[in-house]
Amino acid sequence: MPELPPALFILVSDFARDFSMYEDPARADGACVDASCRFLTRTTHEGLEGILVDLFFPEDIERFPHKLYYDNGYGGHTVVKVGRFWIDFTARQFDPGAPFPLVWEDEEDT
C-alpha cells in the first residue's frame, strides 16, 4: 500500500477492520458497489472528498496499474478514488491473492 495521508490511512484501516468480510473472495464477489458506497459515505462523514469510479471492461482496463486483477471477463467494477488514491475493497473477487484492500496511487496526479 502506498503511504497515505494520516486521515485517509485511519479511514481505510478502520473500514478494512469493520468490513473484513471482503477479505474473503466469495464475500467480495459482486459486492463492489456496496463496499464502495459504504466507504464513500465514511469519507464524506470524515470530511474527505472521494468519488465513485465505475470501470467498464475492456475499454477502461488499460488505465489501471493493477489491470491483471480485473481482466477476468466481468463487465465492470466500482472503486473509490480519494485525491490521487484509488481504493478497492473487493479486488479479491478477481484475485484471491490481491492485497486487502488494494490501494494504489494515480501516477498522473502525483
Protein backbone atom coordinates (compact mmCIF):
# COMPACT_ATOMS: atom_id res chain seq x y z
CA MET A 1 0.00 0.00 0.00
CA PRO A 2 1.35 3.45 -0.81
CA GLU A 3 1.90 5.90 2.01
CA LEU A 4 -1.48 7.53 2.62
CA PRO A 5 -2.22 10.84 4.33
CA PRO A 6 -2.89 10.10 8.04
CA ALA A 7 -6.65 10.76 7.94
CA LEU A 8 -7.11 8.53 4.89
CA PHE A 9 -4.89 5.81 6.36
CA ILE A 10 -7.04 5.69 9.50
CA LEU A 11 -10.24 5.65 7.44
CA VAL A 12 -9.03 2.82 5.18
CA SER A 13 -7.72 0.81 8.14
CA ASP A 14 -10.93 1.22 10.14
CA PHE A 15 -13.11 0.30 7.16
CA ALA A 16 -10.98 -2.77 6.42
CA ARG A 17 -11.36 -3.85 10.04
CA ASP A 18 -15.12 -3.20 10.13
CA PHE A 19 -15.77 -4.88 6.77
CA SER A 20 -13.18 -7.64 6.92
CA MET A 21 -15.68 -9.98 5.25
CA TYR A 22 -14.46 -8.55 1.93
CA GLU A 23 -11.12 -10.28 2.52
CA ASP A 24 -12.97 -13.47 1.57
CA PRO A 25 -13.13 -13.68 -2.25
CA ALA A 26 -16.57 -15.31 -2.10
CA ARG A 27 -17.96 -12.49 0.08
CA ALA A 28 -16.27 -9.84 -2.08
CA ASP A 29 -17.79 -11.27 -5.27
CA GLY A 30 -20.39 -8.86 -6.60
CA ALA A 31 -20.05 -6.54 -3.58
CA CYS A 32 -18.03 -3.74 -5.20
CA VAL A 33 -20.87 -1.22 -5.40
CA ASP A 34 -21.99 -1.87 -1.82
CA ALA A 35 -18.44 -1.70 -0.42
CA SER A 36 -17.54 1.39 -2.43
CA CYS A 37 -20.72 3.26 -1.48
CA ARG A 38 -20.24 2.43 2.19
CA PHE A 39 -16.62 3.60 2.08
CA LEU A 40 -17.55 6.77 0.19
CA THR A 41 -20.13 7.55 2.88
CA ARG A 42 -17.42 7.27 5.52
CA THR A 43 -15.10 9.55 3.58
CA THR A 44 -17.84 12.16 3.40
CA HIS A 45 -18.56 11.90 7.14
CA GLU A 46 -14.86 12.39 7.84
CA GLY A 47 -14.61 15.46 5.62
CA LEU A 48 -12.63 13.80 2.84
CA GLU A 49 -13.70 14.22 -0.75
CA GLY A 50 -13.99 11.00 -2.69
CA ILE A 51 -15.74 9.80 -5.83
CA LEU A 52 -17.12 6.51 -7.06
CA VAL A 53 -15.44 5.30 -10.23
CA ASP A 54 -17.17 2.74 -12.43
CA LEU A 55 -14.76 0.77 -14.58
CA PHE A 56 -16.12 -0.77 -17.73
CA PHE A 57 -14.28 -3.60 -19.40
CA PRO A 58 -12.38 -3.91 -21.60
CA GLU A 59 -12.14 -0.21 -22.51
CA ASP A 60 -11.07 1.03 -19.05
CA ILE A 61 -8.75 -1.84 -18.23
CA GLU A 62 -5.60 -0.22 -19.62
CA ARG A 63 -5.97 2.83 -17.32
CA PHE A 64 -5.06 0.92 -14.18
CA PRO A 65 -1.72 -0.40 -12.94
CA HIS A 66 -3.46 -3.42 -11.36
CA LYS A 67 -5.31 -4.39 -14.52
CA LEU A 68 -4.33 -8.03 -14.16
CA TYR A 69 -6.73 -8.26 -11.21
CA TYR A 70 -9.66 -7.03 -13.26
CA ASP A 71 -9.08 -8.75 -16.59
CA ASN A 72 -11.35 -11.70 -15.92
CA GLY A 73 -14.41 -11.32 -18.07
CA TYR A 74 -16.59 -9.29 -15.70
CA GLY A 75 -18.44 -6.42 -17.35
CA GLY A 76 -17.42 -3.76 -14.85
CA HIS A 77 -16.25 -2.89 -11.38
CA THR A 78 -16.64 0.01 -8.92
CA VAL A 79 -13.90 1.52 -6.75
CA VAL A 80 -13.39 4.75 -4.80
CA LYS A 81 -10.90 7.49 -5.57
CA VAL A 82 -9.86 9.91 -2.82
CA GLY A 83 -7.50 12.54 -4.13
CA ARG A 84 -4.85 10.66 -6.05
CA PHE A 85 -5.50 7.34 -4.28
CA TRP A 86 -7.64 4.51 -5.63
CA ILE A 87 -9.17 2.15 -3.05
CA ASP A 88 -10.69 -1.23 -3.86
CA PHE A 89 -12.06 -3.32 -1.01
CA THR A 90 -13.30 -6.15 -3.24
CA ALA A 91 -10.30 -6.85 -5.50
CA ARG A 92 -10.06 -10.36 -4.08
CA GLN A 93 -13.14 -11.37 -6.03
CA PHE A 94 -10.85 -11.23 -9.06
CA ASP A 95 -7.63 -12.47 -7.47
CA PRO A 96 -7.63 -14.16 -4.04
CA GLY A 97 -4.01 -13.08 -3.62
CA ALA A 98 -4.74 -9.37 -4.10
CA PRO A 99 -3.94 -7.07 -1.19
CA PHE A 100 -6.82 -6.18 1.13
CA PRO A 101 -7.62 -3.51 0.43
CA LEU A 102 -5.98 -2.89 -2.90
CA VAL A 103 -4.77 0.73 -2.86
CA TRP A 104 -2.72 2.48 -5.48
CA GLU A 105 -1.64 6.00 -6.26
CA ASP A 106 -2.57 7.62 -9.56
CA GLU A 107 0.73 8.31 -11.28
CA GLU A 108 -0.78 11.20 -13.26
CA ASP A 109 -1.83 13.08 -10.12
CA THR A 110 1.49 12.87 -8.26
